Each structure stands twice: as C-alpha cells, then as structure tokens.
Amino acid sequence: MYKVFLNDKPILFSSDPILEQLDEAMLYMQYHDFEEINFVLNLLEENHGLRGLIFQSDDLEELWADFRAHFREVDAAGGLVRNEEGALLMIHRFGRWDLPKGKMEYGENAAECALREVKEECGIEQLELGSPLTDTYHVYSMGGMRHLKRTAWYEMSSSDRQLSPQREEGIVEATWKSPDQIDWKSMPTYANIKMLVDGIKQC
C-alpha cells in the first residue's frame, strides 16, 4: 500500500478494498484508466469537504506508476533526531512545526542528504545516523506544475544542546521537544509529520 498527502488529505493506494479505513468524508474509487487520476486530483483540491480517498486496483504497481506519471518527482530526505532524554528535534517554519529535511543535491544519496539537511537547518554538529525509516509522499504545486515529493526518513541521535535555526530558509526556531510537550492541538503541523512523530511516540 502507498499513501500520499495532498493538502494534508490522504490518498491511499491499495490492491485490497481496505474499507475499514473509509469514513463518510472519504471517497472510495476503483481504478480503471489513466485519466481518472487527474479527475481525482482536481476533486481533492477543489472539494474542501472531502477528507481523503482510497484508490483501489488489482494491479497496485500499475496504478502507482500511472499516478507518478502525473507529476514532476522530487527526492528529499530528513531526520527524526532524538537526544539522550528521548526528546525530538523539531523546527518551526512558515507557521507550522516540522522536522528537518530538504531536497537531495546532485550526487547525494538519501542518508547523506538527511545528515546535511539536519545539520544545516538546526546548526547541529554532533549527529549520528541510525536506521532508515519509512518514506513519505506529498503533493504540491509550483510554477503551474504538480510535484510529488518523496522524503526518505532516518533515525538519528545527538547530544548537541547548541541549536541555531537556519533563518534564511524561513526557520524561526529549532528546539528539543519531549514526547509530553508534543501536542498537535497547540502545535500546527503537516499530516505526514504528525503520522511520523505519532509513530515514534508509540514505539
């Protein structure tokens, strides 16, 4: 199964109906042809009452390839960084709480990109790379073109207390947040970030 977020709305791609994840504000569709994808994207962008979509096909990989063909693809990487007390390194940018991440540069692999972006965005030096985590996907528009951004995430650890937000990238704060300080009601974030952070809080 694949999951993509568009305007924080989940699009679930599955070879099974997974109707247990469907609620009254979500749409369920069986995939038939390539043109349906553009229809679905427009529907999710324009229908503010629709909270998401389950897209089902017996040939999941064909559906996923057809979906990706509608976008310019962007590769990025980032880190879920924890310190000795289990606090999570978070940044505040553009009015939302986020995790440090960024686009891959030419010649970089995902792990190299993730380490570089965390160091640059948080001014952190003492950083240890851990295991790879899941990839997340989200859609955005730029210059009249739709983009599909895949972010590869890695566990990391650090004992560094000296943080310096990269203000030229719009980051106004970089800070350690303990699990009991993470409250999404008072901390606006993105759906994919909430999914990642809630996942590690439950581990």
C-alpha atoms as a PDB file:
ATOM      1  CA  MET A   1       0.000   0.000   0.000  1.00  0.00           C
ATOM      2  CA  TYR A   2       1.117   3.559  -0.726  1.00  0.00           C
ATOM      3  CA  LYS A   3      -0.012   6.761   0.991  1.00  0.00           C
ATOM      4  CA  VAL A   4       0.282  10.276  -0.448  1.00  0.00           C
ATOM      5  CA  PHE A   5      -0.847  13.519   1.161  1.00  0.00           C
ATOM      6  CA  LEU A   6      -2.413  16.295  -0.917  1.00  0.00           C
ATOM      7  CA  ASN A   7      -3.258  19.415   1.114  1.00  0.00           C
ATOM      8  CA  ASP A   8      -2.962  17.160   4.185  1.00  0.00           C
ATOM      9  CA  LYS A   9      -5.617  14.814   2.732  1.00  0.00           C
ATOM     10  CA  PRO A  10      -4.539  11.162   2.481  1.00  0.00           C
ATOM     11  CA  ILE A  11      -4.736   9.250  -0.793  1.00  0.00           C
ATOM     12  CA  LEU A  12      -4.403   5.536  -0.044  1.00  0.00           C
ATOM     13  CA  PHE A  13      -3.417   3.191  -2.875  1.00  0.00           C
ATOM     14  CA  SER A  14      -4.231  -0.445  -2.289  1.00  0.00           C
ATOM     15  CA  SER A  15      -4.819  -3.744  -4.036  1.00  0.00           C
ATOM     16  CA  ASP A  16      -7.453  -4.517  -1.374  1.00  0.00           C
ATOM     17  CA  PRO A  17     -10.626  -2.515  -0.657  1.00  0.00           C
ATOM     18  CA  ILE A  18      -9.483  -1.607   2.955  1.00  0.00           C
ATOM     19  CA  LEU A  19     -12.980  -0.285   3.571  1.00  0.00           C
ATOM     20  CA  GLU A  20     -12.352  -0.279   7.317  1.00  0.00           C
ATOM     21  CA  GLN A  21     -10.297   2.888   6.788  1.00  0.00           C
ATOM     22  CA  LEU A  22     -13.112   4.615   4.885  1.00  0.00           C
ATOM     23  CA  ASP A  23     -15.266   7.196   6.647  1.00  0.00           C
ATOM     24  CA  GLU A  24     -18.190   9.267   5.403  1.00  0.00           C
ATOM     25  CA  ALA A  25     -15.943  12.178   4.358  1.00  0.00           C
ATOM     26  CA  MET A  26     -13.648   9.975   2.228  1.00  0.00           C
ATOM     27  CA  LEU A  27     -14.150   8.705  -1.302  1.00  0.00           C
ATOM     28  CA  TYR A  28     -13.578   5.145  -2.488  1.00  0.00           C
ATOM     29  CA  MET A  29     -12.737   4.512  -6.155  1.00  0.00           C
ATOM     30  CA  GLN A  30     -11.706   1.517  -8.206  1.00  0.00           C
ATOM     31  CA  TYR A  31      -9.075   2.435 -10.779  1.00  0.00           C
ATOM     32  CA  HIS A  32      -9.894   1.945 -14.464  1.00  0.00           C
ATOM     33  CA  ASP A  33      -7.908   4.332 -16.648  1.00  0.00           C
ATOM     34  CA  PHE A  34      -5.168   6.964 -16.669  1.00  0.00           C
ATOM     35  CA  GLU A  35      -7.485   9.983 -16.995  1.00  0.00           C
ATOM     36  CA  GLU A  36      -9.196   9.189 -13.701  1.00  0.00           C
ATOM     37  CA  ILE A  37      -6.115  10.348 -11.820  1.00  0.00           C
ATOM     38  CA  ASN A  38      -6.344  13.948 -12.979  1.00  0.00           C
ATOM     39  CA  PHE A  39     -10.040  13.921 -12.090  1.00  0.00           C
ATOM     40  CA  VAL A  40      -9.217  12.661  -8.592  1.00  0.00           C
ATOM     41  CA  LEU A  41      -6.506  15.270  -8.051  1.00  0.00           C
ATOM     42  CA  ASN A  42      -8.830  18.095  -9.104  1.00  0.00           C
ATOM     43  CA  LEU A  43     -11.581  16.726  -6.878  1.00  0.00           C
ATOM     44  CA  LEU A  44      -9.360  16.643  -3.803  1.00  0.00           C
ATOM     45  CA  GLU A  45      -8.025  20.140  -4.494  1.00  0.00           C
ATOM     46  CA  GLU A  46     -11.442  21.704  -5.084  1.00  0.00           C
ATOM     47  CA  ASN A  47     -13.726  19.810  -2.701  1.00  0.00           C
ATOM     48  CA  HIS A  48     -12.939  21.177   0.745  1.00  0.00           C
ATOM     49  CA  GLY A  49     -15.392  18.820   2.442  1.00  0.00           C
ATOM     50  CA  LEU A  50     -13.656  15.720   1.101  1.00  0.00           C
ATOM     51  CA  ARG A  51     -11.090  14.448   3.615  1.00  0.00           C
ATOM     52  CA  GLY A  52      -9.332  11.820   1.528  1.00  0.00           C
ATOM     53  CA  LEU A  53      -9.522   8.979  -0.952  1.00  0.00           C
ATOM     54  CA  ILE A  54      -8.968   5.241  -1.178  1.00  0.00           C
ATOM     55  CA  PHE A  55      -7.836   4.279  -4.699  1.00  0.00           C
ATOM     56  CA  GLN A  56      -8.065   0.520  -5.276  1.00  0.00           C
ATOM     57  CA  SER A  57      -6.661  -1.562  -8.118  1.00  0.00           C
ATOM     58  CA  ASP A  58      -5.866  -5.240  -8.584  1.00  0.00           C
ATOM     59  CA  ASP A  59      -2.602  -4.077 -10.181  1.00  0.00           C
ATOM     60  CA  LEU A  60      -1.248  -1.769  -7.499  1.00  0.00           C
ATOM     61  CA  GLU A  61       2.108  -1.133  -9.180  1.00  0.00           C
ATOM     62  CA  GLU A  62       0.432  -0.092 -12.436  1.00  0.00           C
ATOM     63  CA  LEU A  63      -1.793   2.350 -10.538  1.00  0.00           C
ATOM     64  CA  TRP A  64       1.202   3.755  -8.641  1.00  0.00           C
ATOM     65  CA  ALA A  65       3.224   4.189 -11.858  1.00  0.00           C
ATOM     66  CA  ASP A  66       0.293   5.911 -13.593  1.00  0.00           C
ATOM     67  CA  PHE A  67      -0.163   8.233 -10.606  1.00  0.00           C
ATOM     68  CA  ARG A  68       3.513   9.188 -10.533  1.00  0.00           C
ATOM     69  CA  ALA A  69       3.420   9.969 -14.261  1.00  0.00           C
ATOM     70  CA  HIS A  70       1.208  12.993 -13.497  1.00  0.00           C
ATOM     71  CA  PHE A  71       3.972  14.749 -11.551  1.00  0.00           C
ATOM     72  CA  ARG A  72       7.467  16.077 -11.579  1.00  0.00           C
ATOM     73  CA  GLU A  73       9.131  13.940  -8.914  1.00  0.00           C
ATOM     74  CA  VAL A  74      11.333  15.439  -6.202  1.00  0.00           C
ATOM     75  CA  ASP A  75      13.585  13.437  -3.845  1.00  0.00           C
ATOM     76  CA  ALA A  76      14.309  14.667  -0.339  1.00  0.00           C
ATOM     77  CA  ALA A  77      15.489  13.289   2.994  1.00  0.00           C
ATOM     78  CA  GLY A  78      15.304  14.205   6.646  1.00  0.00           C
ATOM     79  CA  GLY A  79      15.884  13.074  10.196  1.00  0.00           C
ATOM     80  CA  LEU A  80      13.924  12.094  13.278  1.00  0.00           C
ATOM     81  CA  VAL A  81      16.597  13.115  15.767  1.00  0.00           C
ATOM     82  CA  ARG A  82      16.404  12.209  19.439  1.00  0.00           C
ATOM     83  CA  ASN A  83      18.680  13.052  22.352  1.00  0.00           C
ATOM     84  CA  GLU A  84      19.583  11.022  25.443  1.00  0.00           C
ATOM     85  CA  GLU A  85      16.326  12.007  27.173  1.00  0.00           C
ATOM     86  CA  GLY A  86      14.203  10.899  24.196  1.00  0.00           C
ATOM     87  CA  ALA A  87      13.318  14.440  23.143  1.00  0.00           C
ATOM     88  CA  LEU A  88      12.721  15.042  19.431  1.00  0.00           C
ATOM     89  CA  LEU A  89      14.439  17.745  17.387  1.00  0.00           C
ATOM     90  CA  MET A  90      11.790  19.935  15.730  1.00  0.00           C
ATOM     91  CA  ILE A  91      11.774  23.141  13.719  1.00  0.00           C
ATOM     92  CA  HIS A  92       9.180  25.901  13.349  1.00  0.00           C
ATOM     93  CA  ARG A  93       8.786  27.253   9.824  1.00  0.00           C
ATOM     94  CA  PHE A  94       6.002  29.039   7.940  1.00  0.00           C
ATOM     95  CA  GLY A  95       3.687  28.829  10.942  1.00  0.00           C
ATOM     96  CA  ARG A  96       3.958  25.053  11.382  1.00  0.00           C
ATOM     97  CA  TRP A  97       6.048  22.602  13.354  1.00  0.00           C
ATOM     98  CA  ASP A  98       8.147  20.377  11.143  1.00  0.00           C
ATOM     99  CA  LEU A  99      11.111  18.018  11.103  1.00  0.00           C
ATOM    100  CA  PRO A 100      14.429  18.986   9.481  1.00  0.00           C
ATOM    101  CA  LYS A 101      14.541  17.821   5.869  1.00  0.00           C
ATOM    102  CA  GLY A 102      15.370  19.020   2.379  1.00  0.00           C
ATOM    103  CA  LYS A 103      15.914  18.187  -1.270  1.00  0.00           C
ATOM    104  CA  MET A 104      18.761  15.976  -2.399  1.00  0.00           C
ATOM    105  CA  GLU A 105      21.644  17.643  -4.169  1.00  0.00           C
ATOM    106  CA  TYR A 106      23.294  16.205  -7.255  1.00  0.00           C
ATOM    107  CA  GLY A 107      25.420  13.172  -6.371  1.00  0.00           C
ATOM    108  CA  GLU A 108      23.997  12.730  -2.866  1.00  0.00           C
ATOM    109  CA  ASN A 109      22.328   9.628  -1.562  1.00  0.00           C
ATOM    110  CA  ALA A 110      19.401   9.831   0.846  1.00  0.00           C
ATOM    111  CA  ALA A 111      21.449   9.302   4.022  1.00  0.00           C
ATOM    112  CA  GLU A 112      23.994  11.986   3.055  1.00  0.00           C
ATOM    113  CA  CYS A 113      21.186  14.410   2.271  1.00  0.00           C
ATOM    114  CA  ALA A 114      19.407  13.732   5.555  1.00  0.00           C
ATOM    115  CA  LEU A 115      22.560  14.372   7.613  1.00  0.00           C
ATOM    116  CA  ARG A 116      23.399  17.552   5.695  1.00  0.00           C
ATOM    117  CA  GLU A 117      19.890  18.977   5.958  1.00  0.00           C
ATOM    118  CA  VAL A 118      19.613  18.365   9.704  1.00  0.00           C
ATOM    119  CA  LYS A 119      22.994  19.990  10.297  1.00  0.00           C
ATOM    120  CA  GLU A 120      22.190  22.987   8.088  1.00  0.00           C
ATOM    121  CA  GLU A 121      18.646  23.624   9.290  1.00  0.00           C
ATOM    122  CA  CYS A 122      19.367  23.230  13.008  1.00  0.00           C
ATOM    123  CA  GLY A 123      23.027  24.293  13.253  1.00  0.00           C
ATOM    124  CA  ILE A 124      23.800  20.950  14.844  1.00  0.00           C
ATOM    125  CA  GLU A 125      27.235  19.291  14.724  1.00  0.00           C
ATOM    126  CA  GLN A 126      27.107  16.172  16.925  1.00  0.00           C
ATOM    127  CA  LEU A 127      24.906  13.889  14.865  1.00  0.00           C
ATOM    128  CA  GLU A 128      24.822  10.103  14.496  1.00  0.00           C
ATOM    129  CA  LEU A 129      22.975   8.362  11.680  1.00  0.00           C
ATOM    130  CA  GLY A 130      20.696   5.472  12.647  1.00  0.00           C
ATOM    131  CA  SER A 131      18.366   3.164  10.753  1.00  0.00           C
ATOM    132  CA  PRO A 132      16.287   4.172   7.729  1.00  0.00           C
ATOM    133  CA  LEU A 133      12.592   4.685   8.424  1.00  0.00           C
ATOM    134  CA  THR A 134       9.631   4.925   6.089  1.00  0.00           C
ATOM    135  CA  ASP A 135       9.383   7.227   3.076  1.00  0.00           C
ATOM    136  CA  THR A 136       6.594   9.804   2.980  1.00  0.00           C
ATOM    137  CA  TYR A 137       4.959  11.352  -0.070  1.00  0.00           C
ATOM    138  CA  HIS A 138       3.159  14.626  -0.529  1.00  0.00           C
ATOM    139  CA  VAL A 139       1.909  16.677  -3.457  1.00  0.00           C
ATOM    140  CA  TYR A 140       2.420  20.386  -4.001  1.00  0.00           C
ATOM    141  CA  SER A 141       2.157  22.808  -6.915  1.00  0.00           C
ATOM    142  CA  MET A 142       4.862  25.199  -8.078  1.00  0.00           C
ATOM    143  CA  GLY A 143       5.121  27.217 -11.271  1.00  0.00           C
ATOM    144  CA  GLY A 144       1.863  25.778 -12.550  1.00  0.00           C
ATOM    145  CA  MET A 145       3.168  22.207 -12.255  1.00  0.00           C
ATOM    146  CA  ARG A 146       2.279  19.484  -9.790  1.00  0.00           C
ATOM    147  CA  HIS A 147       5.164  17.916  -7.872  1.00  0.00           C
ATOM    148  CA  LEU A 148       5.310  14.623  -5.983  1.00  0.00           C
ATOM    149  CA  LYS A 149       7.886  14.840  -3.203  1.00  0.00           C
ATOM    150  CA  ARG A 150       9.276  11.671  -1.670  1.00  0.00           C
ATOM    151  CA  THR A 151      11.093  12.155   1.623  1.00  0.00           C
ATOM    152  CA  ALA A 152      13.301   9.381   2.981  1.00  0.00           C
ATOM    153  CA  TRP A 153      13.497   9.495   6.779  1.00  0.00           C
ATOM    154  CA  TYR A 154      16.273   8.278   9.070  1.00  0.00           C
ATOM    155  CA  GLU A 155      16.580   7.787  12.779  1.00  0.00           C
ATOM    156  CA  MET A 156      19.355   9.940  14.234  1.00  0.00           C
ATOM    157  CA  SER A 157      20.744  10.774  17.637  1.00  0.00           C
ATOM    158  CA  SER A 158      22.561  13.762  19.061  1.00  0.00           C
ATOM    159  CA  SER A 159      23.755  15.152  22.366  1.00  0.00           C
ATOM    160  CA  ASP A 160      24.182  18.656  20.962  1.00  0.00           C
ATOM    161  CA  ARG A 161      22.470  21.375  23.014  1.00  0.00           C
ATOM    162  CA  GLN A 162      23.579  24.284  20.853  1.00  0.00           C
ATOM    163  CA  LEU A 163      20.971  24.767  18.125  1.00  0.00           C
ATOM    164  CA  SER A 164      20.876  27.541  15.537  1.00  0.00           C
ATOM    165  CA  PRO A 165      17.873  27.723  13.170  1.00  0.00           C
ATOM    166  CA  GLN A 166      18.632  28.381   9.504  1.00  0.00           C
ATOM    167  CA  ARG A 167      16.708  31.651   9.250  1.00  0.00           C
ATOM    168  CA  GLU A 168      17.460  32.152   5.557  1.00  0.00           C
ATOM    169  CA  GLU A 169      15.310  29.057   4.977  1.00  0.00           C
ATOM    170  CA  GLY A 170      12.427  30.526   6.971  1.00  0.00           C
ATOM    171  CA  ILE A 171      13.155  28.544  10.148  1.00  0.00           C
ATOM    172  CA  VAL A 172      12.453  30.674  13.210  1.00  0.00           C
ATOM    173  CA  GLU A 173      13.086  28.032  15.877  1.00  0.00           C
ATOM    174  CA  ALA A 174      14.933  24.753  16.322  1.00  0.00           C
ATOM    175  CA  THR A 175      14.298  23.044  19.631  1.00  0.00           C
ATOM    176  CA  TRP A 176      14.093  19.758  21.509  1.00  0.00           C
ATOM    177  CA  LYS A 177      10.545  18.613  22.311  1.00  0.00           C
ATOM    178  CA  SER A 178       9.921  15.844  24.829  1.00  0.00           C
ATOM    179  CA  PRO A 179       7.033  13.469  23.988  1.00  0.00           C
ATOM    180  CA  ASP A 180       4.739  15.092  26.550  1.00  0.00           C
ATOM    181  CA  GLN A 181       5.410  18.532  25.021  1.00  0.00           C
ATOM    182  CA  ILE A 182       4.154  17.461  21.587  1.00  0.00           C
ATOM    183  CA  ASP A 183       0.503  18.493  21.453  1.00  0.00           C
ATOM    184  CA  TRP A 184      -0.913  18.876  17.948  1.00  0.00           C
ATOM    185  CA  LYS A 185      -3.869  20.948  19.189  1.00  0.00           C
ATOM    186  CA  SER A 186      -1.461  23.742  20.017  1.00  0.00           C
ATOM    187  CA  MET A 187       1.250  22.801  17.502  1.00  0.00           C
ATOM    188  CA  PRO A 188       0.001  23.050  13.906  1.00  0.00           C
ATOM    189  CA  THR A 189       1.909  20.686  11.636  1.00  0.00           C
ATOM    190  CA  TYR A 190       1.592  18.670   8.413  1.00  0.00           C
ATOM    191  CA  ALA A 191      -0.299  15.381   8.194  1.00  0.00           C
ATOM    192  CA  ASN A 192       2.777  13.375   7.151  1.00  0.00           C
ATOM    193  CA  ILE A 193       4.842  14.836  10.012  1.00  0.00           C
ATOM    194  CA  LYS A 194       2.100  14.033  12.529  1.00  0.00           C
ATOM    195  CA  MET A 195       1.983  10.470  11.181  1.00  0.00           C
ATOM    196  CA  LEU A 196       5.743  10.041  11.608  1.00  0.00           C
ATOM    197  CA  VAL A 197       6.004  11.604  15.051  1.00  0.00           C
ATOM    198  CA  ASP A 198       2.959   9.787  16.430  1.00  0.00           C
ATOM    199  CA  GLY A 199       4.503   6.563  15.139  1.00  0.00           C
ATOM    200  CA  ILE A 200       7.708   7.002  17.102  1.00  0.00           C
ATOM    201  CA  LYS A 201       5.861   8.198  20.214  1.00  0.00           C
ATOM    202  CA  GLN A 202       4.039   4.878  20.245  1.00  0.00           C
ATOM    203  CA  CYS A 203       7.237   2.802  19.952  1.00  0.00           C
END
